[in-house]
């Protein structure tokens, strides 16, 4: 098992399971990656459960989909890791992690000796007078170990610890717009995540404090418009930074994953106020799916599906 193998380029197996575990439930998927063919979604499910039943429910899912022994990529939840955007140390590649570990020791809320870290770079930065920046991911080793024990106890072979930002990148990379750049907005019940990617590279990520429950809760039009405008502002800020900091051509498409009857209303608002094309994402169009995936299941399992696409990157 390789912990925090965040930008591993190729897995030896032809299939990978993706897994998310939170306080509300468990999402799982399995994607096959046959040589020379498009990836195929072979399994996809979400089961609600509380923390006390996680081990039982996960073991049941592994049995149901015949996943015992399958390599697995597990996506951490917000709050289980810290993602930092820091100046890249001017050191040799072999010394990078050690230098970064020293640099972030005062930027995390646990002792650096208890941290598992990984880094990923951003190519093509427009330097000028600006320093080269990179992303650093840090998580507590004790939390990671508990995750590993839970997942291995259910019969999966955990090989990657991933994060939502890179899971989302994996899905973006399957879209035709990825060639010139694509923005992705994922809305869970409690929060949101914006990623900007181009040619399989994650350039920018922004976390939204507002999720679908709050965003679509307003009963009057004025309150709903203000909530939608907050999303417009965050997306626009992300697009502006992407263009100016990385000297990239403008992104023209925003894809959205959200399970709510008002999602189309939000998309219409974005189309009217952003100046780019916004649309819902349909996972059946992104990859071949051998199992039915409705909008509810797609939204719950999107991070797990992205994790199972890891072997493409």
C-alpha atoms as a PDB file:
ATOM      1  CA  UNK A   1       0.000   0.000   0.000  1.00  0.00           C
ATOM      2  CA  UNK A   2       1.206   3.466  -0.864  1.00  0.00           C
ATOM      3  CA  UNK A   3      -0.201   6.195   1.339  1.00  0.00           C
ATOM      4  CA  UNK A   4      -0.964   9.558  -0.236  1.00  0.00           C
ATOM      5  CA  UNK A   5      -0.034   8.379  -3.695  1.00  0.00           C
ATOM      6  CA  UNK A   6      -1.733  11.495  -4.987  1.00  0.00           C
ATOM      7  CA  UNK A   7      -0.350  11.814  -8.464  1.00  0.00           C
ATOM      8  CA  UNK A   8       0.627   8.271  -9.267  1.00  0.00           C
ATOM      9  CA  UNK A   9       0.495   7.912 -13.010  1.00  0.00           C
ATOM     10  CA  UNK A  10      -0.377   4.290 -13.553  1.00  0.00           C
ATOM     11  CA  UNK A  11      -1.661   1.349 -11.561  1.00  0.00           C
ATOM     12  CA  UNK A  12      -0.682  -2.199 -12.463  1.00  0.00           C
ATOM     13  CA  UNK A  13      -4.237  -3.550 -12.174  1.00  0.00           C
ATOM     14  CA  UNK A  14      -6.876  -3.042 -14.850  1.00  0.00           C
ATOM     15  CA  UNK A  15      -9.516  -2.020 -12.345  1.00  0.00           C
ATOM     16  CA  UNK A  16      -9.785   0.115  -9.238  1.00  0.00           C
ATOM     17  CA  UNK A  17     -12.424   0.587  -6.557  1.00  0.00           C
ATOM     18  CA  UNK A  18     -13.222   4.085  -5.306  1.00  0.00           C
ATOM     19  CA  UNK A  19     -14.477   4.642  -1.783  1.00  0.00           C
ATOM     20  CA  UNK A  20     -15.854   7.485   0.344  1.00  0.00           C
ATOM     21  CA  UNK A  21     -16.824   7.173   3.999  1.00  0.00           C
ATOM     22  CA  UNK A  22     -18.489   9.932   5.992  1.00  0.00           C
ATOM     23  CA  UNK A  23     -20.775  10.264   8.984  1.00  0.00           C
ATOM     24  CA  UNK A  24     -23.876   9.856   6.796  1.00  0.00           C
ATOM     25  CA  UNK A  25     -22.945   6.892   4.622  1.00  0.00           C
ATOM     26  CA  UNK A  26     -20.578   5.045   2.308  1.00  0.00           C
ATOM     27  CA  UNK A  27     -20.149   5.479  -1.435  1.00  0.00           C
ATOM     28  CA  UNK A  28     -18.362   2.854  -3.498  1.00  0.00           C
ATOM     29  CA  UNK A  29     -17.598   2.299  -7.172  1.00  0.00           C
ATOM     30  CA  UNK A  30     -15.430   0.082  -9.319  1.00  0.00           C
ATOM     31  CA  UNK A  31     -14.095   1.055 -12.728  1.00  0.00           C
ATOM     32  CA  UNK A  32     -12.323  -1.218 -15.164  1.00  0.00           C
ATOM     33  CA  UNK A  33      -9.546   0.234 -17.316  1.00  0.00           C
ATOM     34  CA  UNK A  34      -9.103  -2.203 -20.219  1.00  0.00           C
ATOM     35  CA  UNK A  35      -6.101  -1.424 -22.387  1.00  0.00           C
ATOM     36  CA  UNK A  36      -6.991   0.693 -25.388  1.00  0.00           C
ATOM     37  CA  UNK A  37     -10.629   1.081 -24.331  1.00  0.00           C
ATOM     38  CA  UNK A  38     -12.701   3.617 -22.453  1.00  0.00           C
ATOM     39  CA  UNK A  39     -13.068   3.042 -18.703  1.00  0.00           C
ATOM     40  CA  UNK A  40     -16.146   1.119 -17.657  1.00  0.00           C
ATOM     41  CA  UNK A  41     -18.165   1.636 -14.477  1.00  0.00           C
ATOM     42  CA  UNK A  42     -18.890  -1.865 -13.207  1.00  0.00           C
ATOM     43  CA  UNK A  43     -20.320  -1.086  -9.762  1.00  0.00           C
ATOM     44  CA  UNK A  44     -21.747   1.964  -8.036  1.00  0.00           C
ATOM     45  CA  UNK A  45     -23.675   2.202  -4.763  1.00  0.00           C
ATOM     46  CA  UNK A  46     -24.335   4.417  -1.781  1.00  0.00           C
ATOM     47  CA  UNK A  47     -25.551   3.187   1.600  1.00  0.00           C
ATOM     48  CA  UNK A  48     -26.589   5.390   4.488  1.00  0.00           C
ATOM     49  CA  UNK A  49     -25.162   4.420   7.860  1.00  0.00           C
ATOM     50  CA  UNK A  50     -23.861   5.964  11.050  1.00  0.00           C
ATOM     51  CA  UNK A  51     -20.325   5.687  12.373  1.00  0.00           C
ATOM     52  CA  UNK A  52     -21.101   2.640  14.513  1.00  0.00           C
ATOM     53  CA  UNK A  53     -22.211   0.617  11.468  1.00  0.00           C
ATOM     54  CA  UNK A  54     -19.502   1.605   8.996  1.00  0.00           C
ATOM     55  CA  UNK A  55     -17.491  -1.604   9.241  1.00  0.00           C
ATOM     56  CA  UNK A  56     -20.580  -3.798   8.799  1.00  0.00           C
ATOM     57  CA  UNK A  57     -22.000  -1.792   5.898  1.00  0.00           C
ATOM     58  CA  UNK A  58     -18.647  -1.581   4.095  1.00  0.00           C
ATOM     59  CA  UNK A  59     -18.091  -5.335   4.427  1.00  0.00           C
ATOM     60  CA  UNK A  60     -21.601  -5.895   3.053  1.00  0.00           C
ATOM     61  CA  UNK A  61     -20.869  -3.703   0.018  1.00  0.00           C
ATOM     62  CA  UNK A  62     -17.606  -5.528  -0.652  1.00  0.00           C
ATOM     63  CA  UNK A  63     -19.462  -8.851  -0.597  1.00  0.00           C
ATOM     64  CA  UNK A  64     -22.387  -7.559  -2.690  1.00  0.00           C
ATOM     65  CA  UNK A  65     -20.151  -6.395  -5.527  1.00  0.00           C
ATOM     66  CA  UNK A  66     -17.529  -9.138  -5.213  1.00  0.00           C
ATOM     67  CA  UNK A  67     -14.763  -6.646  -4.409  1.00  0.00           C
ATOM     68  CA  UNK A  68     -12.778  -8.682  -1.895  1.00  0.00           C
ATOM     69  CA  UNK A  69      -9.082  -8.156  -2.604  1.00  0.00           C
ATOM     70  CA  UNK A  70      -9.738  -5.351  -5.092  1.00  0.00           C
ATOM     71  CA  UNK A  71      -7.275  -2.438  -5.109  1.00  0.00           C
ATOM     72  CA  UNK A  72      -8.958   0.605  -3.616  1.00  0.00           C
ATOM     73  CA  UNK A  73      -8.536   4.371  -3.684  1.00  0.00           C
ATOM     74  CA  UNK A  74     -10.106   6.038  -0.653  1.00  0.00           C
ATOM     75  CA  UNK A  75     -11.116   9.719  -0.768  1.00  0.00           C
ATOM     76  CA  UNK A  76     -10.723  11.634   2.476  1.00  0.00           C
ATOM     77  CA  UNK A  77     -13.510  13.911   3.687  1.00  0.00           C
ATOM     78  CA  UNK A  78     -13.211  17.673   4.301  1.00  0.00           C
ATOM     79  CA  UNK A  79     -11.787  18.109   7.776  1.00  0.00           C
ATOM     80  CA  UNK A  80      -9.712  14.930   7.533  1.00  0.00           C
ATOM     81  CA  UNK A  81      -6.846  16.628   5.697  1.00  0.00           C
ATOM     82  CA  UNK A  82      -5.360  20.055   5.057  1.00  0.00           C
ATOM     83  CA  UNK A  83      -4.625  21.303   1.547  1.00  0.00           C
ATOM     84  CA  UNK A  84      -2.096  24.135   1.449  1.00  0.00           C
ATOM     85  CA  UNK A  85      -0.956  26.317  -1.432  1.00  0.00           C
ATOM     86  CA  UNK A  86       2.651  27.199  -0.635  1.00  0.00           C
ATOM     87  CA  UNK A  87       5.793  28.547  -2.214  1.00  0.00           C
ATOM     88  CA  UNK A  88       7.838  25.695  -3.630  1.00  0.00           C
ATOM     89  CA  UNK A  89      11.197  25.261  -1.847  1.00  0.00           C
ATOM     90  CA  UNK A  90      14.239  25.733  -4.061  1.00  0.00           C
ATOM     91  CA  UNK A  91      15.661  22.264  -3.451  1.00  0.00           C
ATOM     92  CA  UNK A  92      16.382  19.082  -5.381  1.00  0.00           C
ATOM     93  CA  UNK A  93      13.403  16.802  -6.061  1.00  0.00           C
ATOM     94  CA  UNK A  94      14.632  14.236  -3.540  1.00  0.00           C
ATOM     95  CA  UNK A  95      14.669  16.855  -0.796  1.00  0.00           C
ATOM     96  CA  UNK A  96      11.299  18.407  -1.615  1.00  0.00           C
ATOM     97  CA  UNK A  97       9.086  16.621   0.917  1.00  0.00           C
ATOM     98  CA  UNK A  98      11.521  17.194   3.758  1.00  0.00           C
ATOM     99  CA  UNK A  99      11.764  20.883   2.913  1.00  0.00           C
ATOM    100  CA  UNK A 100       7.987  21.220   2.613  1.00  0.00           C
ATOM    101  CA  UNK A 101       7.455  19.424   5.920  1.00  0.00           C
ATOM    102  CA  UNK A 102       9.597  22.026   7.651  1.00  0.00           C
ATOM    103  CA  UNK A 103       7.801  24.861   5.849  1.00  0.00           C
ATOM    104  CA  UNK A 104       4.251  23.840   6.813  1.00  0.00           C
ATOM    105  CA  UNK A 105       4.864  22.890  10.442  1.00  0.00           C
ATOM    106  CA  UNK A 106       3.201  26.079  11.708  1.00  0.00           C
ATOM    107  CA  UNK A 107       0.388  25.956   9.148  1.00  0.00           C
ATOM    108  CA  UNK A 108      -1.378  22.823  10.407  1.00  0.00           C
ATOM    109  CA  UNK A 109      -3.266  22.267  13.656  1.00  0.00           C
ATOM    110  CA  UNK A 110      -1.410  19.100  14.695  1.00  0.00           C
ATOM    111  CA  UNK A 111       2.245  18.291  15.314  1.00  0.00           C
ATOM    112  CA  UNK A 112       4.317  17.902  12.184  1.00  0.00           C
ATOM    113  CA  UNK A 113       5.755  14.623  13.523  1.00  0.00           C
ATOM    114  CA  UNK A 114       2.221  13.190  13.334  1.00  0.00           C
ATOM    115  CA  UNK A 115       1.699  14.315   9.730  1.00  0.00           C
ATOM    116  CA  UNK A 116       1.575  12.272   6.552  1.00  0.00           C
ATOM    117  CA  UNK A 117       2.243  14.599   3.633  1.00  0.00           C
ATOM    118  CA  UNK A 118       2.383  14.591  -0.131  1.00  0.00           C
ATOM    119  CA  UNK A 119       2.901  17.297  -2.726  1.00  0.00           C
ATOM    120  CA  UNK A 120       1.850  17.985  -6.284  1.00  0.00           C
ATOM    121  CA  UNK A 121       3.186  20.660  -8.570  1.00  0.00           C
ATOM    122  CA  UNK A 122       1.502  22.915 -11.112  1.00  0.00           C
ATOM    123  CA  UNK A 123       3.282  23.140 -14.470  1.00  0.00           C
ATOM    124  CA  UNK A 124       3.357  26.191 -16.683  1.00  0.00           C
ATOM    125  CA  UNK A 125       3.198  28.849 -14.012  1.00  0.00           C
ATOM    126  CA  UNK A 126       3.741  32.393 -15.177  1.00  0.00           C
ATOM    127  CA  UNK A 127       6.607  33.349 -12.934  1.00  0.00           C
ATOM    128  CA  UNK A 128       7.668  36.952 -13.519  1.00  0.00           C
ATOM    129  CA  UNK A 129       8.278  38.264 -10.036  1.00  0.00           C
ATOM    130  CA  UNK A 130       6.032  35.643  -8.473  1.00  0.00           C
ATOM    131  CA  UNK A 131       7.452  32.578  -6.717  1.00  0.00           C
ATOM    132  CA  UNK A 132       6.599  29.111  -7.999  1.00  0.00           C
ATOM    133  CA  UNK A 133       3.744  27.641  -5.986  1.00  0.00           C
ATOM    134  CA  UNK A 134       2.706  24.080  -5.230  1.00  0.00           C
ATOM    135  CA  UNK A 135       0.067  22.155  -3.313  1.00  0.00           C
ATOM    136  CA  UNK A 136       0.809  20.264  -0.103  1.00  0.00           C
ATOM    137  CA  UNK A 137      -1.582  17.766   1.470  1.00  0.00           C
ATOM    138  CA  UNK A 138      -1.240  16.881   5.149  1.00  0.00           C
ATOM    139  CA  UNK A 139      -3.218  14.490   7.327  1.00  0.00           C
ATOM    140  CA  UNK A 140      -2.728  12.968  10.750  1.00  0.00           C
ATOM    141  CA  UNK A 141      -1.056   9.571  10.589  1.00  0.00           C
ATOM    142  CA  UNK A 142      -3.351   8.207  13.296  1.00  0.00           C
ATOM    143  CA  UNK A 143      -6.454   9.032  11.285  1.00  0.00           C
ATOM    144  CA  UNK A 144      -4.961   7.478   8.174  1.00  0.00           C
ATOM    145  CA  UNK A 145      -4.125   4.306  10.082  1.00  0.00           C
ATOM    146  CA  UNK A 146      -7.712   3.987  11.351  1.00  0.00           C
ATOM    147  CA  UNK A 147      -8.974   4.369   7.801  1.00  0.00           C
ATOM    148  CA  UNK A 148      -6.593   1.698   6.570  1.00  0.00           C
ATOM    149  CA  UNK A 149      -7.671  -0.741   9.287  1.00  0.00           C
ATOM    150  CA  UNK A 150     -11.367  -0.176   8.560  1.00  0.00           C
ATOM    151  CA  UNK A 151     -10.973  -0.633   4.811  1.00  0.00           C
ATOM    152  CA  UNK A 152      -8.631  -3.612   4.988  1.00  0.00           C
ATOM    153  CA  UNK A 153     -10.908  -5.198   7.580  1.00  0.00           C
ATOM    154  CA  UNK A 154     -13.724  -5.138   5.009  1.00  0.00           C
ATOM    155  CA  UNK A 155     -11.556  -7.021   2.510  1.00  0.00           C
ATOM    156  CA  UNK A 156     -10.376  -4.244   0.196  1.00  0.00           C
ATOM    157  CA  UNK A 157      -6.712  -3.765  -0.716  1.00  0.00           C
ATOM    158  CA  UNK A 158      -6.239  -0.046  -0.065  1.00  0.00           C
ATOM    159  CA  UNK A 159      -3.487   1.297  -2.297  1.00  0.00           C
ATOM    160  CA  UNK A 160      -4.183   5.046  -2.486  1.00  0.00           C
ATOM    161  CA  UNK A 161      -5.328   7.733  -0.082  1.00  0.00           C
ATOM    162  CA  UNK A 162      -6.823  10.487  -2.211  1.00  0.00           C
ATOM    163  CA  UNK A 163      -8.517  13.857  -1.747  1.00  0.00           C
ATOM    164  CA  UNK A 164     -11.721  15.259  -3.317  1.00  0.00           C
ATOM    165  CA  UNK A 165      -9.846  17.880  -5.346  1.00  0.00           C
ATOM    166  CA  UNK A 166      -7.904  15.247  -7.262  1.00  0.00           C
ATOM    167  CA  UNK A 167     -10.869  12.905  -7.506  1.00  0.00           C
ATOM    168  CA  UNK A 168     -12.729  15.752  -9.179  1.00  0.00           C
ATOM    169  CA  UNK A 169      -9.716  16.388 -11.431  1.00  0.00           C
ATOM    170  CA  UNK A 170      -9.933  12.782 -12.624  1.00  0.00           C
ATOM    171  CA  UNK A 171     -13.518  13.297 -13.779  1.00  0.00           C
ATOM    172  CA  UNK A 172     -12.761  16.649 -15.404  1.00  0.00           C
ATOM    173  CA  UNK A 173      -9.988  15.024 -17.415  1.00  0.00           C
ATOM    174  CA  UNK A 174     -12.557  12.752 -19.096  1.00  0.00           C
ATOM    175  CA  UNK A 175     -14.531  15.723 -20.430  1.00  0.00           C
ATOM    176  CA  UNK A 176     -13.894  17.017 -23.962  1.00  0.00           C
ATOM    177  CA  UNK A 177     -13.544  20.550 -22.561  1.00  0.00           C
ATOM    178  CA  UNK A 178     -10.489  19.482 -20.568  1.00  0.00           C
ATOM    179  CA  UNK A 179      -8.330  20.104 -23.635  1.00  0.00           C
ATOM    180  CA  UNK A 180      -8.795  23.867 -23.307  1.00  0.00           C
ATOM    181  CA  UNK A 181      -9.779  23.981 -19.626  1.00  0.00           C
ATOM    182  CA  UNK A 182     -12.904  23.218 -17.612  1.00  0.00           C
ATOM    183  CA  UNK A 183     -14.360  24.332 -14.287  1.00  0.00           C
ATOM    184  CA  UNK A 184     -16.213  21.832 -12.089  1.00  0.00           C
ATOM    185  CA  UNK A 185     -18.610  22.717  -9.259  1.00  0.00           C
ATOM    186  CA  UNK A 186     -19.588  19.860  -6.960  1.00  0.00           C
ATOM    187  CA  UNK A 187     -22.322  20.522  -4.419  1.00  0.00           C
ATOM    188  CA  UNK A 188     -22.863  18.087  -1.580  1.00  0.00           C
ATOM    189  CA  UNK A 189     -25.560  18.690   1.010  1.00  0.00           C
ATOM    190  CA  UNK A 190     -23.250  20.606   3.327  1.00  0.00           C
ATOM    191  CA  UNK A 191     -20.584  22.180   1.122  1.00  0.00           C
ATOM    192  CA  UNK A 192     -19.176  22.769  -2.315  1.00  0.00           C
ATOM    193  CA  UNK A 193     -15.930  22.394  -4.212  1.00  0.00           C
ATOM    194  CA  UNK A 194     -14.755  24.274  -7.299  1.00  0.00           C
ATOM    195  CA  UNK A 195     -11.860  22.904  -9.353  1.00  0.00           C
ATOM    196  CA  UNK A 196     -10.252  24.353 -12.465  1.00  0.00           C
ATOM    197  CA  UNK A 197      -8.373  21.878 -14.618  1.00  0.00           C
ATOM    198  CA  UNK A 198      -6.743  21.749 -18.007  1.00  0.00           C
ATOM    199  CA  UNK A 199      -5.241  18.708 -19.710  1.00  0.00           C
ATOM    200  CA  UNK A 200      -5.488  16.625 -16.519  1.00  0.00           C
ATOM    201  CA  UNK A 201      -3.700  19.242 -14.403  1.00  0.00           C
ATOM    202  CA  UNK A 202      -5.415  20.686 -11.320  1.00  0.00           C
ATOM    203  CA  UNK A 203      -4.605  24.390 -11.346  1.00  0.00           C
ATOM    204  CA  UNK A 204      -6.976  25.838  -8.804  1.00  0.00           C
ATOM    205  CA  UNK A 205      -9.362  24.682  -6.109  1.00  0.00           C
ATOM    206  CA  UNK A 206     -11.773  26.613  -3.925  1.00  0.00           C
ATOM    207  CA  UNK A 207     -13.970  25.293  -1.107  1.00  0.00           C
ATOM    208  CA  UNK A 208     -17.490  26.677  -0.686  1.00  0.00           C
ATOM    209  CA  UNK A 209     -19.020  26.888   2.763  1.00  0.00           C
ATOM    210  CA  UNK A 210     -22.491  26.781   1.248  1.00  0.00           C
ATOM    211  CA  UNK A 211     -23.917  23.412   0.189  1.00  0.00           C
ATOM    212  CA  UNK A 212     -27.059  22.274  -1.568  1.00  0.00           C
ATOM    213  CA  UNK A 213     -29.173  22.229   1.600  1.00  0.00           C
ATOM    214  CA  UNK A 214     -28.528  25.913   2.273  1.00  0.00           C
ATOM    215  CA  UNK A 215     -28.223  27.060  -1.328  1.00  0.00           C
ATOM    216  CA  UNK A 216     -31.637  25.767  -2.339  1.00  0.00           C
ATOM    217  CA  UNK A 217     -33.408  26.344   0.988  1.00  0.00           C
ATOM    218  CA  UNK A 218     -34.506  29.937   0.381  1.00  0.00           C
ATOM    219  CA  UNK A 219     -38.251  30.200  -0.065  1.00  0.00           C
ATOM    220  CA  UNK A 220     -38.342  33.692  -1.587  1.00  0.00           C
ATOM    221  CA  UNK A 221     -36.749  34.777  -4.849  1.00  0.00           C
ATOM    222  CA  UNK A 222     -34.545  37.518  -3.365  1.00  0.00           C
ATOM    223  CA  UNK A 223     -32.908  35.193  -0.839  1.00  0.00           C
ATOM    224  CA  UNK A 224     -32.391  32.537  -3.474  1.00  0.00           C
ATOM    225  CA  UNK A 225     -30.827  35.064  -5.849  1.00  0.00           C
ATOM    226  CA  UNK A 226     -28.400  36.232  -3.147  1.00  0.00           C
ATOM    227  CA  UNK A 227     -27.384  32.630  -2.493  1.00  0.00           C
ATOM    228  CA  UNK A 228     -26.874  31.991  -6.207  1.00  0.00           C
ATOM    229  CA  UNK A 229     -24.879  35.210  -6.506  1.00  0.00           C
ATOM    230  CA  UNK A 230     -22.480  33.976  -3.826  1.00  0.00           C
ATOM    231  CA  UNK A 231     -21.705  30.993  -6.036  1.00  0.00           C
ATOM    232  CA  UNK A 232     -21.290  33.231  -9.076  1.00  0.00           C
ATOM    233  CA  UNK A 233     -18.798  35.358  -7.138  1.00  0.00           C
ATOM    234  CA  UNK A 234     -16.690  32.387  -6.047  1.00  0.00           C
ATOM    235  CA  UNK A 235     -16.613  30.881  -9.532  1.00  0.00           C
ATOM    236  CA  UNK A 236     -15.734  34.242 -11.108  1.00  0.00           C
ATOM    237  CA  UNK A 237     -12.917  34.829  -8.618  1.00  0.00           C
ATOM    238  CA  UNK A 238     -11.539  31.397  -9.449  1.00  0.00           C
ATOM    239  CA  UNK A 239     -11.707  32.021 -13.196  1.00  0.00           C
ATOM    240  CA  UNK A 240     -10.029  35.417 -12.863  1.00  0.00           C
ATOM    241  CA  UNK A 241      -7.183  34.033 -10.741  1.00  0.00           C
ATOM    242  CA  UNK A 242      -6.665  31.130 -13.123  1.00  0.00           C
ATOM    243  CA  UNK A 243      -6.290  33.458 -16.105  1.00  0.00           C
ATOM    244  CA  UNK A 244      -4.055  36.017 -14.420  1.00  0.00           C
ATOM    245  CA  UNK A 245      -1.792  33.809 -12.301  1.00  0.00           C
ATOM    246  CA  UNK A 246      -1.240  30.999 -14.804  1.00  0.00           C
ATOM    247  CA  UNK A 247      -1.522  33.089 -18.000  1.00  0.00           C
ATOM    248  CA  UNK A 248      -4.084  30.651 -19.387  1.00  0.00           C
ATOM    249  CA  UNK A 249      -6.750  31.303 -21.977  1.00  0.00           C
ATOM    250  CA  UNK A 250     -10.239  31.761 -20.504  1.00  0.00           C
ATOM    251  CA  UNK A 251     -12.216  28.703 -19.436  1.00  0.00           C
ATOM    252  CA  UNK A 252     -15.510  28.537 -21.311  1.00  0.00           C
ATOM    253  CA  UNK A 253     -17.380  25.706 -19.547  1.00  0.00           C
ATOM    254  CA  UNK A 254     -18.552  25.037 -16.005  1.00  0.00           C
ATOM    255  CA  UNK A 255     -19.928  21.561 -15.232  1.00  0.00           C
ATOM    256  CA  UNK A 256     -22.035  21.040 -12.130  1.00  0.00           C
ATOM    257  CA  UNK A 257     -22.877  18.022 -10.016  1.00  0.00           C
ATOM    258  CA  UNK A 258     -25.783  18.562  -7.618  1.00  0.00           C
ATOM    259  CA  UNK A 259     -28.822  16.546  -6.602  1.00  0.00           C
ATOM    260  CA  UNK A 260     -31.645  19.034  -6.266  1.00  0.00           C
ATOM    261  CA  UNK A 261     -34.753  19.899  -8.235  1.00  0.00           C
ATOM    262  CA  UNK A 262     -33.603  23.538  -8.303  1.00  0.00           C
ATOM    263  CA  UNK A 263     -30.237  22.732  -9.923  1.00  0.00           C
ATOM    264  CA  UNK A 264     -31.466  23.845 -13.344  1.00  0.00           C
ATOM    265  CA  UNK A 265     -32.553  27.149 -11.812  1.00  0.00           C
ATOM    266  CA  UNK A 266     -29.002  27.627 -10.519  1.00  0.00           C
ATOM    267  CA  UNK A 267     -27.556  26.734 -13.917  1.00  0.00           C
ATOM    268  CA  UNK A 268     -29.759  29.305 -15.618  1.00  0.00           C
ATOM    269  CA  UNK A 269     -28.574  31.924 -13.123  1.00  0.00           C
ATOM    270  CA  UNK A 270     -24.937  31.017 -13.748  1.00  0.00           C
ATOM    271  CA  UNK A 271     -25.424  31.162 -17.510  1.00  0.00           C
ATOM    272  CA  UNK A 272     -26.936  34.619 -17.203  1.00  0.00           C
ATOM    273  CA  UNK A 273     -24.252  36.023 -14.900  1.00  0.00           C
ATOM    274  CA  UNK A 274     -20.933  34.275 -15.620  1.00  0.00           C
ATOM    275  CA  UNK A 275     -20.487  34.663 -19.354  1.00  0.00           C
ATOM    276  CA  UNK A 276     -19.525  31.015 -19.787  1.00  0.00           C
ATOM    277  CA  UNK A 277     -21.588  27.898 -20.486  1.00  0.00           C
ATOM    278  CA  UNK A 278     -22.826  26.055 -17.394  1.00  0.00           C
ATOM    279  CA  UNK A 279     -24.354  22.577 -17.572  1.00  0.00           C
ATOM    280  CA  UNK A 280     -25.073  19.523 -15.448  1.00  0.00           C
ATOM    281  CA  UNK A 281     -22.634  16.653 -15.677  1.00  0.00           C
ATOM    282  CA  UNK A 282     -23.921  13.230 -16.687  1.00  0.00           C
ATOM    283  CA  UNK A 283     -21.558  10.452 -15.662  1.00  0.00           C
ATOM    284  CA  UNK A 284     -23.103   8.112 -18.265  1.00  0.00           C
ATOM    285  CA  UNK A 285     -21.713  10.419 -20.957  1.00  0.00           C
ATOM    286  CA  UNK A 286     -18.299  10.712 -19.307  1.00  0.00           C
ATOM    287  CA  UNK A 287     -17.598   6.983 -19.017  1.00  0.00           C
ATOM    288  CA  UNK A 288     -19.210   3.721 -20.092  1.00  0.00           C
ATOM    289  CA  UNK A 289     -21.614   2.602 -17.382  1.00  0.00           C
ATOM    290  CA  UNK A 290     -22.818  -0.979 -17.036  1.00  0.00           C
ATOM    291  CA  UNK A 291     -24.984  -0.084 -14.041  1.00  0.00           C
ATOM    292  CA  UNK A 292     -27.858   2.424 -13.783  1.00  0.00           C
ATOM    293  CA  UNK A 293     -26.757   5.695 -12.138  1.00  0.00           C
ATOM    294  CA  UNK A 294     -29.535   8.195 -11.458  1.00  0.00           C
ATOM    295  CA  UNK A 295     -28.866  11.806 -10.424  1.00  0.00           C
ATOM    296  CA  UNK A 296     -29.081  11.027  -6.705  1.00  0.00           C
ATOM    297  CA  UNK A 297     -26.620   8.146  -6.900  1.00  0.00           C
ATOM    298  CA  UNK A 298     -24.335  10.115  -9.216  1.00  0.00           C
ATOM    299  CA  UNK A 299     -24.095  12.992  -6.746  1.00  0.00           C
ATOM    300  CA  UNK A 300     -23.491  10.787  -3.718  1.00  0.00           C
ATOM    301  CA  UNK A 301     -20.892   8.683  -5.536  1.00  0.00           C
ATOM    302  CA  UNK A 302     -19.152  11.309  -7.680  1.00  0.00           C
ATOM    303  CA  UNK A 303     -16.038  11.445  -5.432  1.00  0.00           C
ATOM    304  CA  UNK A 304     -15.868   7.630  -5.351  1.00  0.00           C
ATOM    305  CA  UNK A 305     -16.204   7.454  -9.137  1.00  0.00           C
ATOM    306  CA  UNK A 306     -13.419  10.010  -9.514  1.00  0.00           C
ATOM    307  CA  UNK A 307     -11.232   8.016  -7.139  1.00  0.00           C
ATOM    308  CA  UNK A 308     -11.750   4.879  -9.227  1.00  0.00           C
ATOM    309  CA  UNK A 309     -10.538   6.835 -12.279  1.00  0.00           C
ATOM    310  CA  UNK A 310      -7.196   7.358 -10.536  1.00  0.00           C
ATOM    311  CA  UNK A 311      -5.355   4.749 -12.601  1.00  0.00           C
ATOM    312  CA  UNK A 312      -5.892   6.904 -15.677  1.00  0.00           C
ATOM    313  CA  UNK A 313      -3.618   9.550 -14.099  1.00  0.00           C
END
